[in-house]
Protein backbone atom coordinates (compact mmCIF):
# COMPACT_ATOMS: atom_id res chain seq x y z
CA MET A 1 134.54 258.07 153.75
CA LYS A 2 136.09 254.84 155.00
CA PHE A 3 135.11 253.11 158.22
CA SER A 4 137.75 252.52 160.85
CA SER A 5 137.79 249.13 162.52
CA GLY A 6 135.78 250.77 165.26
CA VAL A 7 133.32 253.55 164.44
CA PRO A 8 132.33 254.85 161.01
CA ALA A 9 133.19 258.48 160.44
CA LEU A 10 129.55 259.59 160.25
CA VAL A 11 127.89 257.24 162.75
CA SER A 12 125.40 259.01 164.99
CA ALA A 13 126.90 259.61 168.41
CA VAL A 14 123.43 259.39 169.91
CA GLY A 15 122.92 255.96 168.37
CA LEU A 16 126.16 254.61 169.80
CA ALA A 17 125.41 256.09 173.21
CA ALA A 18 122.05 254.36 173.19
CA LEU A 19 123.69 251.02 172.48
CA THR A 20 125.97 251.29 175.48
CA MET A 21 123.19 252.41 177.87
CA ILE A 22 120.81 249.48 177.31
CA PRO A 23 120.98 247.29 180.46
CA THR A 24 120.43 243.98 178.64
CA ALA A 25 123.47 244.58 176.41
CA ASN A 26 126.45 243.49 178.51
CA ALA A 27 128.91 244.24 175.75
CA PHE A 28 129.27 244.32 172.01
CA PHE A 29 131.84 244.73 169.31
CA ARG A 30 131.49 246.32 165.92
CA MET A 31 133.74 245.80 162.97
CA SER A 32 134.06 247.35 159.56
CA CYS A 33 133.58 245.30 156.43
CA ASP A 34 134.97 247.48 153.66
CA GLY A 35 133.97 247.09 150.16
CA PRO A 36 132.06 245.92 148.57
CA LEU A 37 133.64 242.52 148.08
CA VAL A 38 131.42 242.33 145.00
CA ARG A 39 128.22 243.77 143.55
CA ASP A 40 126.40 241.06 141.66
CA ARG A 41 123.01 239.43 141.20
CA ALA A 42 124.05 236.56 143.43
CA ASP A 43 122.27 235.11 146.49
CA PRO A 44 123.43 231.61 147.48
CA ILE A 45 120.72 231.43 150.16
CA VAL A 46 117.57 232.35 148.21
CA ASN A 47 118.76 231.56 144.67
CA PRO A 48 121.46 228.87 144.97
CA GLY A 49 123.08 228.09 141.64
CA ALA A 50 121.10 230.73 139.76
CA VAL A 51 121.10 234.44 138.99
CA ALA A 52 119.25 236.34 141.72
CA GLY A 53 116.36 238.64 140.92
CA HIS A 54 118.12 241.81 142.02
CA LEU A 55 121.58 243.23 142.66
CA HIS A 56 123.30 242.85 146.03
CA THR A 57 126.21 244.51 147.75
CA VAL A 58 128.23 241.73 149.40
CA VAL A 59 131.00 241.95 151.99
CA GLY A 60 133.09 239.30 153.74
CA GLY A 61 135.10 236.31 152.54
CA ASN A 62 136.24 235.97 148.94
CA ALA A 63 134.95 232.38 148.61
CA PHE A 64 131.49 233.90 148.07
CA ASP A 65 129.78 232.14 145.19
CA PHE A 66 126.38 231.38 143.68
CA THR A 67 126.37 228.05 145.48
CA MET A 68 128.18 227.68 148.79
CA ASP A 69 128.05 226.49 152.37
CA GLY A 70 129.87 227.29 155.59
CA LYS A 71 132.73 224.94 154.79
CA LYS A 72 133.34 226.66 151.46
CA SER A 73 133.15 230.10 153.04
CA ARG A 74 136.01 229.18 155.38
CA THR A 75 138.23 228.48 152.37
CA SER A 76 138.33 232.22 151.70
CA THR A 77 141.87 233.50 151.27
CA CYS A 78 140.88 237.01 152.37
CA THR A 79 137.97 238.90 153.84
CA SER A 80 136.81 242.49 153.53
CA CYS A 81 135.92 242.44 157.25
CA ALA A 82 138.21 243.55 160.06
CA ALA A 83 138.47 240.17 161.83
CA VAL A 84 140.59 237.72 159.88
CA GLN A 85 138.81 234.73 161.45
CA ASP A 86 135.44 235.89 160.10
CA LYS A 87 135.00 234.56 156.55
CA SER A 88 131.22 235.03 156.71
CA ASN A 89 129.27 236.88 154.03
CA TYR A 90 126.76 239.65 154.63
CA TRP A 91 124.67 241.25 151.88
CA VAL A 92 121.88 243.75 151.23
CA PRO A 93 120.23 245.15 148.09
CA ASP A 94 121.92 248.10 146.41
CA LEU A 95 120.45 251.58 146.68
CA TRP A 96 119.90 253.55 143.46
CA VAL A 97 118.76 257.04 142.57
CA LYS A 98 115.96 257.36 140.06
CA ALA A 99 116.70 260.61 138.23
CA LYS A 100 114.13 263.06 136.95
CA ASN A 101 114.70 261.75 133.43
CA GLY A 102 113.80 258.20 134.54
CA SER A 103 117.31 256.73 134.44
CA PHE A 104 119.01 255.00 137.37
CA HIS A 105 122.43 255.37 139.02
CA PRO A 106 123.89 253.48 142.01
CA VAL A 107 124.30 255.44 145.23
CA GLY A 108 127.80 255.33 146.69
CA HIS A 109 128.81 253.74 150.00
CA ASN A 110 131.92 252.20 151.54
CA GLY A 111 130.83 248.84 152.86
CA MET A 112 129.07 247.83 156.06
CA LEU A 113 129.54 248.12 159.78
CA ILE A 114 128.73 244.84 161.54
CA TYR A 115 127.67 244.71 165.19
CA TYR A 116 127.73 241.63 167.44
CA LEU A 117 125.58 242.55 170.45
CA GLN A 118 125.29 240.63 173.72
CA ARG A 119 121.51 240.91 174.09
CA ILE A 120 120.77 238.33 176.80
CA GLY A 121 117.08 239.15 177.34
CA PRO A 122 115.07 239.17 180.59
CA ASN A 123 115.89 235.51 181.28
CA LYS A 124 119.65 236.17 181.20
CA ASP A 125 120.09 233.61 178.43
CA GLU A 126 123.40 231.96 177.73
CA LEU A 127 124.57 232.99 174.28
CA VAL A 128 125.46 230.21 171.83
CA PRO A 129 127.55 230.54 168.65
CA PHE A 130 126.07 230.10 165.19
CA PRO A 131 126.27 226.44 164.13
CA ASP A 132 128.33 225.33 161.18
CA ASP A 133 126.73 226.10 157.79
CA PHE A 134 124.21 228.44 159.41
CA ARG A 135 122.34 231.01 157.34
CA MET A 136 119.39 233.34 157.83
CA LEU A 137 117.45 236.26 156.37
CA ALA A 138 116.03 239.42 157.89
CA GLY A 139 113.31 241.51 156.25
CA ASN A 140 110.92 240.93 153.35
CA PRO A 141 111.88 242.30 149.91
CA MET A 142 108.23 242.37 148.78
CA LEU A 143 106.87 244.66 151.51
CA ARG A 144 105.81 248.16 150.51
CA SER A 145 103.87 249.23 153.63
CA TYR A 146 104.18 249.07 157.41
CA THR A 147 102.75 246.02 159.18
CA ASN A 148 104.02 246.61 162.75
CA THR A 149 105.62 243.22 163.32
CA GLU A 150 108.82 242.43 165.20
CA ALA A 151 110.40 241.41 161.91
CA GLN A 152 109.54 244.71 160.26
CA ASN A 153 110.51 246.80 163.26
CA ALA A 154 113.96 245.26 162.95
CA ILE A 155 114.43 247.17 159.65
CA SER A 156 115.07 250.90 160.05
CA PHE A 157 116.71 254.02 158.66
CA ALA A 158 118.65 256.87 160.21
CA CYS A 159 118.82 260.19 158.36
CA LEU A 160 122.08 261.70 159.59
CA GLY A 161 121.84 265.45 159.92
CA GLY A 162 118.18 265.46 158.85
CA GLY A 163 116.73 266.31 162.25
CA VAL A 164 114.20 263.45 162.22
CA PRO A 165 113.97 260.27 164.35
CA GLU A 166 114.79 256.84 162.98
CA SER A 167 112.02 255.33 160.88
CA ASN A 168 110.98 252.06 159.23
CA SER A 169 110.91 253.67 155.79
CA ILE A 170 113.16 255.94 153.78
CA PRO A 171 112.36 259.42 155.15
CA ASN A 172 111.37 262.24 152.82
CA VAL A 173 114.03 264.44 154.39
CA LYS A 174 117.39 265.30 152.92
CA CYS A 175 120.24 263.70 154.87
CA PRO A 176 123.44 265.78 154.66
CA GLY A 177 125.38 263.21 156.69
CA GLY A 178 124.10 260.22 154.72
CA LEU A 179 121.21 257.75 154.86
CA ARG A 180 122.00 254.82 157.14
CA ALA A 181 120.10 251.60 156.42
CA GLN A 182 119.92 249.25 159.43
CA VAL A 183 119.13 245.53 159.62
CA PHE A 184 118.65 243.66 162.94
CA PHE A 185 118.59 239.87 162.64
CA PRO A 186 116.58 237.31 164.65
CA SER A 187 118.51 236.11 167.71
CA CYS A 188 116.41 233.10 168.84
CA TRP A 189 117.09 229.65 167.34
CA ASP A 190 115.22 226.34 167.35
CA GLY A 191 118.48 224.61 168.31
CA LYS A 192 118.13 222.08 165.51
CA ASN A 193 118.44 223.54 162.03
CA GLY A 194 121.06 225.64 160.29
CA ASP A 195 118.48 226.70 157.70
CA SER A 196 114.80 226.27 156.80
CA PRO A 197 112.87 226.30 153.50
CA ASP A 198 112.00 229.98 153.87
CA HIS A 199 115.39 230.70 155.52
CA LYS A 200 113.54 232.28 158.45
CA SER A 201 111.51 229.62 160.32
CA HIS A 202 114.51 228.12 162.11
CA VAL A 203 115.03 231.48 163.84
CA SER A 204 112.72 233.94 165.57
CA TYR A 205 112.77 237.42 166.98
CA PRO A 206 112.35 237.69 170.76
CA VAL A 207 108.74 238.14 171.86
CA GLY A 208 107.53 241.68 172.45
CA ASN A 209 110.75 243.38 171.42
CA HIS A 210 112.94 242.39 168.50
CA GLU A 211 116.07 243.15 170.53
CA HIS A 212 115.41 242.62 174.24
CA GLY A 213 112.40 240.33 174.57
CA ALA A 214 112.42 236.71 175.70
CA CYS A 215 112.93 233.86 173.24
CA PRO A 216 109.74 231.84 172.55
CA PRO A 217 109.56 228.15 173.66
CA SER A 218 109.76 227.08 170.01
CA HIS A 219 113.15 228.80 169.66
CA PRO A 220 114.80 228.48 173.09
CA LYS A 221 118.44 229.01 172.11
CA ARG A 222 119.82 232.53 171.94
CA PHE A 223 122.53 233.79 169.60
CA ILE A 224 124.59 236.88 170.00
CA SER A 225 122.52 239.52 168.19
CA LEU A 226 123.66 240.39 164.69
CA PHE A 227 123.04 243.91 163.41
CA PHE A 228 124.52 245.69 160.45
CA GLU A 229 124.28 249.05 158.83
CA ILE A 230 125.33 250.61 155.57
CA LEU A 231 125.76 254.34 155.07
CA PHE A 232 124.70 255.65 151.66
CA SER A 233 126.06 258.95 150.33
CA VAL A 234 122.76 260.54 149.35
CA LYS A 235 123.59 264.25 149.60
CA GLU A 236 125.11 264.42 146.13
CA TRP A 237 121.70 263.53 144.70
CA ASP A 238 119.80 266.42 146.31
CA SER A 239 119.11 267.90 142.87
CA GLU A 240 117.02 264.86 141.90
CA TRP A 241 114.30 265.39 144.52
CA VAL A 242 110.84 266.20 143.10
CA ASN A 243 108.14 268.02 145.09
CA GLY A 244 109.74 267.14 148.42
CA LYS A 245 109.95 263.42 147.64
CA HIS A 246 113.18 261.48 147.71
CA PRO A 247 114.44 259.83 144.47
CA PHE A 248 115.87 256.63 145.99
CA VAL A 249 114.95 253.03 145.26
CA PHE A 250 116.51 249.74 146.28
CA SER A 251 117.59 247.29 143.61
CA ASN A 252 114.55 245.09 144.29
CA GLY A 253 112.38 247.96 143.01
CA ASP A 254 111.50 249.26 146.48
CA PRO A 255 111.28 253.06 146.87
CA THR A 256 109.67 252.85 150.33
CA GLY A 257 112.41 251.10 152.33
CA TYR A 258 109.93 248.64 153.84
CA GLY A 259 111.42 245.99 151.54
CA LEU A 260 114.98 246.40 152.83
CA HIS A 261 116.41 243.02 153.80
CA GLY A 262 119.68 241.37 154.71
CA ASP A 263 121.33 237.97 154.39
CA PHE A 264 123.94 236.24 156.56
CA LEU A 265 125.92 233.08 155.81
CA ASN A 266 128.15 231.97 158.69
CA GLY A 267 131.81 231.54 157.85
CA TRP A 268 133.35 232.12 161.29
CA ASP A 269 136.13 229.96 162.59
CA PRO A 270 134.05 228.01 165.17
CA ALA A 271 136.55 228.20 168.03
CA THR A 272 137.03 231.93 167.56
CA LEU A 273 133.31 232.71 167.46
CA LYS A 274 132.74 230.67 170.62
CA GLU A 275 135.16 232.93 172.46
CA ALA A 276 134.21 236.15 170.68
CA ILE A 277 130.58 236.05 171.86
CA LYS A 278 131.94 236.25 175.42
CA CYS A 279 134.13 239.28 174.77
CA ASP A 280 133.88 241.92 177.48
CA ALA A 281 134.00 244.81 175.02
CA SER A 282 131.76 247.35 176.73
CA SER A 283 133.39 250.06 174.59
CA GLY A 284 132.18 248.40 171.41
CA ARG A 285 135.70 248.53 169.99
CA VAL A 286 136.54 245.40 168.08
CA GLU A 287 140.14 245.90 169.22
CA ASP A 288 138.98 245.15 172.79
CA CYS A 289 137.90 241.64 171.80
CA LYS A 290 141.37 240.16 172.10
CA VAL A 291 140.51 236.79 170.59
CA LEU A 292 140.10 238.47 167.22
CA LYS A 293 143.03 238.96 164.87
CA LEU A 294 142.52 242.21 163.01
CA GLN A 295 143.82 243.35 159.64
CA GLU A 296 144.63 246.81 158.36
CA PRO A 297 141.97 248.79 156.44
CA GLU A 298 144.09 248.63 153.28
CA ASP A 299 144.17 244.84 153.44
CA ARG A 300 140.43 244.38 153.80
CA ASP A 301 139.77 247.01 151.13
CA ARG A 302 141.83 244.99 148.64
CA CYS A 303 139.75 241.83 149.16
CA LYS A 304 137.49 241.78 146.10
CA ILE A 305 136.12 239.32 143.56
CA ALA A 306 134.79 239.93 140.05
CA PRO A 307 131.05 239.69 139.30
CA ARG A 308 129.88 236.81 137.14
CA VAL A 309 126.63 238.14 135.71
CA ASN A 310 127.57 239.98 132.55
CA GLU A 311 125.40 243.07 132.76
CA PRO A 312 126.03 246.77 133.44
CA THR A 313 125.79 247.75 137.10
CA GLU A 314 127.67 251.07 137.03
CA GLY A 315 126.86 254.49 135.67
CA TRP A 316 123.51 255.55 134.25
CA LEU A 317 121.15 252.72 133.30
CA PRO A 318 117.66 252.78 131.74
CA ALA A 319 116.38 250.18 134.24
CA LEU A 320 117.41 248.46 137.43
CA PRO A 321 119.53 245.31 136.84
CA GLY A 322 117.19 242.37 136.43
CA CYS A 323 114.41 244.62 135.11
CA ASN A 324 112.88 245.17 138.55
CA PRO A 325 110.00 247.64 138.19
CA VAL A 326 109.67 250.37 140.81
CA THR A 327 106.58 249.51 142.89
CA TYR A 328 105.28 252.01 145.42
CA GLY A 329 102.64 249.91 147.20
CA PRO A 330 100.93 249.81 149.59
CA ALA A 331 100.23 246.33 148.22
CA SER A 332 103.18 243.97 148.40
CA ALA A 333 105.27 243.63 145.28
CA VAL A 334 105.21 240.51 143.14
CA VAL A 335 108.09 238.76 141.42
CA PRO A 336 108.66 240.74 138.21
CA PRO A 337 108.04 239.02 134.87
CA VAL A 338 110.96 237.59 132.96
CA CYS A 339 112.60 240.20 130.78
CA ASN A 340 115.57 240.22 128.45
CA ALA A 341 118.01 240.70 131.29
CA VAL A 342 121.03 238.42 131.53
CA SER A 343 120.11 235.17 133.29
CA ASN A 344 123.28 233.12 132.95
CA ILE A 345 126.19 232.81 135.36
CA GLY A 346 129.37 233.36 133.41
CA PRO A 347 133.09 233.41 134.19
CA PRO A 348 134.39 236.17 136.46
CA LYS A 349 134.23 239.49 134.70
CA SER A 350 137.51 240.53 133.09
CA TYR A 351 138.81 244.05 133.56
CA SER A 352 141.51 243.86 130.90
CA SER A 353 141.48 243.87 127.11
CA ASP A 354 143.37 241.81 124.55
CA MET A 355 145.84 244.20 122.92
CA SER A 356 147.89 241.50 121.13
CA SER A 357 146.80 242.91 117.78
CA LYS A 358 148.83 246.00 118.65
CA GLY A 359 151.68 243.93 120.12
CA TRP A 360 150.91 244.89 123.73
CA THR A 361 150.02 242.83 126.82
CA TYR A 362 148.02 243.54 129.97
CA VAL A 363 150.21 243.53 133.08
CA GLY A 364 147.90 244.31 135.98
CA CYS A 365 146.30 246.97 138.18
CA ALA A 366 148.67 249.10 140.25
CA PHE A 367 148.17 251.77 142.89
CA ASP A 368 149.42 255.18 141.76
CA ASP A 369 150.46 257.60 144.50
CA ARG A 370 149.69 261.17 143.46
CA ASN A 371 152.87 262.33 145.19
CA ASN A 372 155.03 259.65 143.60
CA ARG A 373 153.60 258.76 140.20
CA ILE A 374 154.54 255.46 138.58
CA PHE A 375 154.88 257.07 135.14
CA SER A 376 155.87 260.69 134.59
CA GLU A 377 154.33 261.32 131.15
CA ARG A 378 150.61 262.09 131.26
CA THR A 379 147.84 263.11 128.92
CA TYR A 380 144.08 262.87 129.06
CA SER A 381 141.21 262.95 126.64
CA ASN A 382 137.43 262.83 126.67
CA ASP A 383 137.51 259.98 124.13
CA MET A 384 140.27 257.93 125.77
CA THR A 385 140.64 254.25 124.86
CA ILE A 386 143.40 251.73 125.51
CA GLU A 387 144.43 251.87 121.86
CA LYS A 388 144.63 255.66 121.93
CA CYS A 389 146.85 255.57 125.01
CA ILE A 390 149.12 252.92 123.45
CA ASP A 391 149.44 254.93 120.24
CA HIS A 392 150.31 258.08 122.17
CA CYS A 393 152.94 256.44 124.38
CA SER A 394 154.51 254.16 121.76
CA GLY A 395 154.82 257.17 119.45
CA LYS A 396 157.04 258.74 122.08
CA GLY A 397 159.14 255.62 122.51
CA PHE A 398 157.70 254.34 125.80
CA SER A 399 157.33 250.63 126.59
CA HIS A 400 154.61 250.84 129.26
CA VAL A 401 151.24 252.58 129.49
CA GLY A 402 148.84 253.07 132.36
CA LEU A 403 145.23 254.18 132.14
CA GLN A 404 143.52 255.84 135.09
CA TYR A 405 140.25 257.48 136.10
CA ARG A 406 138.52 256.70 132.78
CA ASN A 407 140.27 259.35 130.69
CA GLU A 408 143.93 259.59 131.74
CA CYS A 409 146.90 258.04 129.93
CA TYR A 410 150.36 257.66 131.49
CA CYS A 411 153.59 256.56 129.79
CA GLY A 412 156.78 255.01 131.18
CA ASN A 413 159.53 252.49 130.59
CA ASN A 414 159.37 250.30 133.69
CA ILE A 415 157.26 249.63 136.73
CA ASN A 416 158.55 248.71 140.18
CA LYS A 417 155.18 248.85 141.96
CA LYS A 418 153.46 245.73 143.22
CA PHE A 419 150.11 244.88 141.76
CA LEU A 420 146.61 244.92 143.18
CA GLY A 421 143.91 242.59 141.98
CA SER A 422 142.45 243.53 138.59
CA VAL A 423 139.07 244.04 140.27
CA GLN A 424 140.45 247.30 141.65
CA CYS A 425 140.63 248.83 138.15
CA THR A 426 136.98 248.93 137.15
CA MET A 427 136.27 252.35 135.63
CA ASP A 428 135.19 252.12 132.01
CA CYS A 429 137.07 254.17 129.42
CA VAL A 430 135.27 257.33 128.33
CA GLY A 431 135.97 256.47 124.67
CA ASN A 432 134.89 252.81 124.87
CA LYS A 433 132.46 251.57 127.51
CA ASN A 434 133.60 247.98 126.87
CA GLN A 435 137.15 248.74 128.05
CA TYR A 436 138.45 249.56 131.52
CA CYS A 437 140.73 252.47 132.25
CA GLY A 438 141.90 252.03 135.82
CA GLY A 439 140.26 253.65 138.81
CA SER A 440 140.84 256.46 141.27
CA GLN A 441 144.61 256.42 141.89
CA LYS A 442 144.77 253.03 140.17
CA LEU A 443 146.41 252.25 136.82
CA SER A 444 145.47 249.57 134.30
CA VAL A 445 148.98 248.78 133.07
CA TYR A 446 149.94 247.39 129.63
CA LYS A 447 153.43 246.74 128.27
CA LYS A 448 154.93 246.46 124.81
CA GLY A 449 155.39 242.86 123.68
CA THR A 450 153.24 239.74 123.88
CA GLY A 451 153.25 236.94 126.38
CA SER A 452 151.55 236.18 129.66
CA SER A 453 148.86 238.73 130.46
CA SER A 454 149.15 238.14 134.19
CA PRO A 455 151.90 239.59 136.39
CA VAL A 456 153.91 237.34 138.70
CA PRO A 457 151.95 237.30 141.99
CA THR A 458 153.50 239.63 144.53
CA PRO A 459 152.33 241.04 147.86
CA VAL A 460 150.10 243.98 147.14
CA GLN A 461 151.26 247.45 147.95
CA LYS A 462 149.46 249.23 150.73
CA GLU A 463 147.68 252.38 149.77
CA PRO A 464 145.84 255.20 151.52
CA ALA A 465 142.07 254.86 151.70
CA THR A 466 140.12 256.74 149.06
CA THR A 467 136.45 257.60 148.85
CA THR A 468 134.31 256.06 146.15
CA THR A 469 132.06 258.62 144.54
CA THR A 470 129.77 258.74 141.55
CA ALA A 471 129.43 261.05 138.60
CA LYS A 472 126.38 263.23 137.95
CA PRO A 473 124.54 263.06 134.62
CA ALA A 474 126.06 264.90 131.69
CA THR A 475 129.25 265.67 133.60
CA THR A 476 132.31 266.04 131.40
CA ALA A 477 135.15 263.88 132.68
CA LYS A 478 138.03 265.79 134.20
CA ALA A 479 141.57 264.68 134.79
CA ASP A 480 142.43 263.32 138.22
CA ASP A 481 144.65 265.52 140.36
CA GLY A 482 148.23 265.04 139.19
CA PRO A 483 151.58 266.08 140.62
CA SER A 484 150.96 269.66 139.59
CA ALA A 485 147.57 269.89 141.33
CA PRO A 486 147.44 272.60 144.00
CA GLN A 487 148.09 271.36 147.50
CA CYS A 488 145.58 272.78 149.98
CA PRO A 489 146.96 272.90 153.53
CA SER A 490 144.09 274.97 154.90
CA LYS A 491 140.30 274.89 154.80
CA ASP A 492 140.14 278.26 153.03
CA ALA A 493 142.67 277.21 150.39
CA ALA A 494 140.78 273.96 149.77
CA ALA A 495 137.51 275.84 149.38
CA THR A 496 139.05 278.27 146.91
CA HIS A 497 140.61 275.45 144.91
CA CYS A 498 137.37 273.45 144.71
CA GLU A 499 135.23 276.46 143.80
CA ASN A 500 137.12 276.58 140.51
CA LYS A 501 134.94 274.76 137.97
CA ALA A 502 138.00 273.12 136.44
CA ASN A 503 138.62 271.30 139.74
CA THR A 504 135.04 270.45 140.69
CA ASP A 505 135.11 266.77 139.70
CA SER A 506 138.61 265.99 140.94
CA GLU A 507 138.96 263.25 143.54
CA PHE A 508 140.49 265.77 145.97
CA CYS A 509 137.44 268.03 145.76
CA ARG A 510 135.01 265.15 146.04
CA GLN A 511 136.68 264.02 149.23
CA TYR A 512 136.79 267.62 150.47
CA ARG A 513 133.05 268.05 149.91
CA GLN A 514 132.25 264.83 151.73
CA ILE A 515 134.48 265.68 154.67
CA MET A 516 132.98 269.17 154.91
CA LYS A 517 129.46 267.79 154.23
CA ILE A 518 128.82 270.32 151.47
């Protein structure tokens, strides 16, 4: 379920109420960063110029790279965050499910919610903006037990609908509303350095309370407090629990949650941030911080870049990317030994295939409205490939093909839709895992003839938000809902439609189950 620019659909009302009642928080604003911008083993803070040890979910500006600074971040041409002037990057490790059979699958989410909190402390500190080229870390990826420090207390989890209080570890309670991972960053600064060798020493948590305490003499300057959360859709993995224990593990091999961590690289427009930290937004609504220019959800959702580490990160995998072993503690984890995982940074991953041998050319990725399909002719197959779709459509005299949702093939003779970035069409074809067959309501389009494989750049077409979901093991792919799919105007009709096994895996029914929390 997508976040609005204000409050995520499943955010705990109690949690938000608590934020507004704290006397040392004069105001705050929260903004959605849809996404992810990219999922890749990249970390320009800890591993500049090299492949990182584990996979990250990254949101923010599209200048994100393996090596970068604040100046480069501000060259971003788009951002997946609500405020256009914020070209910063924020990232956390991915969450995975470890199935009963030992394989791994990423857990779905829809980006992050970023809070900027005016925590002024008991000394009523003046808040200062982040300096240029500022970066910092929160959390320790190697921890596997509780140490009761301010730094560790700043990492927490909320089990929505689980009936348990927030905790510093992943709770062994099923969370029907989702598992919310929360990272609170240090807010005290030494006033001198934009970074430090460990990326932590130049900042500090307030003394006695990681949110509201006083800054120590060594770090006298106070930032606006940065906090972000990411809501993972864990309910769909309820069947993978074993003996009352959850099956989840972060990409750094951490099943406890104590090793959750976050990274921040400042890419704010300096003048804007200077004014934004003064915003009197007691409601928390980013819209009430008038200095910020906001973009529509569709625009931030389209801001994506392709990964550059050529390794599988989707679907069922035998091991976590980077060969990170699952370590349960309580001893701290160690850096895993080198394995045969990919270690080279390559060109941006391509989501198209060369079909010149068949006399066809890739055109681009286009949004396909279920109520107004781009191409009228449709077929689907559980061994769909690009070649199979081309053969089917060309045999009927069509000049264009579109592949969607891994197993669907559409045929037509022209296309008047504007194109999205190719990174939107990232589902692999059921008949060939090395090819890509569109996405949910997104077509990988090819045309008859050879020539340029890139469409003429045009403004992208706006599209309704859709929910990213994942497939269960051994599930047979089903066709996406087409024009003939039943329309369900009522709750009862929707329930009846989705109880039919033929409709279970349709995008409509997946969204219905998430909305109804079933």
